[in-house]
Amino acid sequence: MERLAVYGTLRSGLGRLASLDVEHALVALGPCELAGLLVDLGDYPGLLEGRGRVRGETFAARGASVLHRPEPDAGRGPGDPA
């Protein structure tokens, strides 16, 4: 099974996973710590490499499709920053 670590409102019970309709495809494995620093990106935080520690949660994916990565330009229009 593929594993995924998340932080913030993507952790269990905080609502965001349900709104993304992926809860059915993930199995919660428990808490974890991610190396890095959280930065304010406006509507959501971003995780950058750094010396800090961020609390997160590890999940196992029931299928690879939940971990699909969109093409690098997916969702961007002409003139949008890369």
C-alpha atoms as a PDB file:
ATOM      1  CA  MET A   1       0.000   0.000   0.000  1.00  0.00           C
ATOM      2  CA  GLU A   2       1.161   3.515  -0.747  1.00  0.00           C
ATOM      3  CA  ARG A   3       1.461   5.810   2.263  1.00  0.00           C
ATOM      4  CA  LEU A   4       0.679   9.482   2.565  1.00  0.00           C
ATOM      5  CA  ALA A   5       1.497  11.966   5.346  1.00  0.00           C
ATOM      6  CA  VAL A   6      -0.742  15.009   5.794  1.00  0.00           C
ATOM      7  CA  TYR A   7      -0.901  17.991   8.165  1.00  0.00           C
ATOM      8  CA  GLY A   8      -3.400  20.649   9.191  1.00  0.00           C
ATOM      9  CA  THR A   9      -7.074  20.184   8.364  1.00  0.00           C
ATOM     10  CA  LEU A  10      -6.298  17.097   6.258  1.00  0.00           C
ATOM     11  CA  ARG A  11      -5.865  15.110   9.477  1.00  0.00           C
ATOM     12  CA  SER A  12      -8.684  12.786  10.589  1.00  0.00           C
ATOM     13  CA  GLY A  13     -11.779  14.362  12.056  1.00  0.00           C
ATOM     14  CA  LEU A  14     -11.058  17.908  10.899  1.00  0.00           C
ATOM     15  CA  GLY A  15     -13.396  17.852   7.898  1.00  0.00           C
ATOM     16  CA  ARG A  16     -11.197  18.537   4.890  1.00  0.00           C
ATOM     17  CA  LEU A  17     -10.752  14.903   3.802  1.00  0.00           C
ATOM     18  CA  ALA A  18     -14.526  14.456   3.732  1.00  0.00           C
ATOM     19  CA  SER A  19     -14.937  17.526   1.542  1.00  0.00           C
ATOM     20  CA  LEU A  20     -12.344  16.108  -0.903  1.00  0.00           C
ATOM     21  CA  ASP A  21     -14.252  12.792  -1.061  1.00  0.00           C
ATOM     22  CA  VAL A  22     -11.160  10.672  -0.409  1.00  0.00           C
ATOM     23  CA  GLU A  23     -11.861   9.311   3.096  1.00  0.00           C
ATOM     24  CA  HIS A  24     -13.160   6.046   1.616  1.00  0.00           C
ATOM     25  CA  ALA A  25      -9.803   5.474  -0.090  1.00  0.00           C
ATOM     26  CA  LEU A  26      -7.582   6.068   2.962  1.00  0.00           C
ATOM     27  CA  VAL A  27      -6.838   4.111   6.122  1.00  0.00           C
ATOM     28  CA  ALA A  28      -5.556   6.188   9.054  1.00  0.00           C
ATOM     29  CA  LEU A  29      -2.333   4.698  10.462  1.00  0.00           C
ATOM     30  CA  GLY A  30      -1.644   7.228  13.192  1.00  0.00           C
ATOM     31  CA  PRO A  31       0.189  10.415  14.068  1.00  0.00           C
ATOM     32  CA  CYS A  32       3.553  11.383  12.629  1.00  0.00           C
ATOM     33  CA  GLU A  33       5.962  14.304  12.556  1.00  0.00           C
ATOM     34  CA  LEU A  34       7.086  15.949   9.342  1.00  0.00           C
ATOM     35  CA  ALA A  35      10.396  17.774   9.080  1.00  0.00           C
ATOM     36  CA  GLY A  36       9.950  21.342   7.930  1.00  0.00           C
ATOM     37  CA  LEU A  37       8.340  24.691   8.553  1.00  0.00           C
ATOM     38  CA  LEU A  38       4.785  25.850   7.901  1.00  0.00           C
ATOM     39  CA  VAL A  39       4.406  29.069   5.929  1.00  0.00           C
ATOM     40  CA  ASP A  40       1.308  31.185   5.316  1.00  0.00           C
ATOM     41  CA  LEU A  41       0.143  30.862   1.710  1.00  0.00           C
ATOM     42  CA  GLY A  42      -3.040  32.836   2.297  1.00  0.00           C
ATOM     43  CA  ASP A  43      -5.944  30.380   2.176  1.00  0.00           C
ATOM     44  CA  TYR A  44      -3.863  27.441   3.390  1.00  0.00           C
ATOM     45  CA  PRO A  45      -0.462  26.641   4.920  1.00  0.00           C
ATOM     46  CA  GLY A  46       2.482  25.281   2.976  1.00  0.00           C
ATOM     47  CA  LEU A  47       5.202  22.969   4.233  1.00  0.00           C
ATOM     48  CA  LEU A  48       8.767  23.903   3.329  1.00  0.00           C
ATOM     49  CA  GLU A  49      12.042  22.174   4.088  1.00  0.00           C
ATOM     50  CA  GLY A  50      13.444  23.408   7.354  1.00  0.00           C
ATOM     51  CA  ARG A  51      14.626  22.531  10.828  1.00  0.00           C
ATOM     52  CA  GLY A  52      11.195  22.557  12.428  1.00  0.00           C
ATOM     53  CA  ARG A  53       8.734  19.743  13.129  1.00  0.00           C
ATOM     54  CA  VAL A  54       5.090  19.694  12.052  1.00  0.00           C
ATOM     55  CA  ARG A  55       2.480  17.346  13.525  1.00  0.00           C
ATOM     56  CA  GLY A  56       0.763  15.251  10.930  1.00  0.00           C
ATOM     57  CA  GLU A  57      -0.972  11.958  10.299  1.00  0.00           C
ATOM     58  CA  THR A  58      -0.026   8.979   8.154  1.00  0.00           C
ATOM     59  CA  PHE A  59      -2.531   7.191   5.918  1.00  0.00           C
ATOM     60  CA  ALA A  60      -2.368   4.122   3.701  1.00  0.00           C
ATOM     61  CA  ALA A  61      -4.083   4.461   0.333  1.00  0.00           C
ATOM     62  CA  ARG A  62      -6.417   1.614  -0.627  1.00  0.00           C
ATOM     63  CA  GLY A  63      -5.657   2.292  -4.290  1.00  0.00           C
ATOM     64  CA  ALA A  64      -3.075   4.268  -6.231  1.00  0.00           C
ATOM     65  CA  SER A  65      -5.730   6.480  -7.840  1.00  0.00           C
ATOM     66  CA  VAL A  66      -6.216   8.491  -4.638  1.00  0.00           C
ATOM     67  CA  LEU A  67      -2.589   9.589  -4.902  1.00  0.00           C
ATOM     68  CA  HIS A  68      -2.951  10.724  -8.514  1.00  0.00           C
ATOM     69  CA  ARG A  69      -0.807  13.745  -9.261  1.00  0.00           C
ATOM     70  CA  PRO A  70      -2.184  16.154 -11.845  1.00  0.00           C
ATOM     71  CA  GLU A  71      -0.031  17.239 -14.734  1.00  0.00           C
ATOM     72  CA  PRO A  72       2.202  20.200 -13.786  1.00  0.00           C
ATOM     73  CA  ASP A  73       0.083  22.632 -15.819  1.00  0.00           C
ATOM     74  CA  ALA A  74      -3.318  21.204 -14.838  1.00  0.00           C
ATOM     75  CA  GLY A  75      -5.691  23.887 -13.652  1.00  0.00           C
ATOM     76  CA  ARG A  76      -3.541  26.804 -14.769  1.00  0.00           C
ATOM     77  CA  GLY A  77      -4.623  29.258 -17.373  1.00  0.00           C
ATOM     78  CA  PRO A  78      -2.505  31.360 -19.681  1.00  0.00           C
ATOM     79  CA  GLY A  79      -0.522  33.898 -17.709  1.00  0.00           C
ATOM     80  CA  ASP A  80      -0.929  32.083 -14.360  1.00  0.00           C
ATOM     81  CA  PRO A  81       2.340  31.775 -12.426  1.00  0.00           C
ATOM     82  CA  ALA A  82       4.062  28.396 -12.568  1.00  0.00           C
END
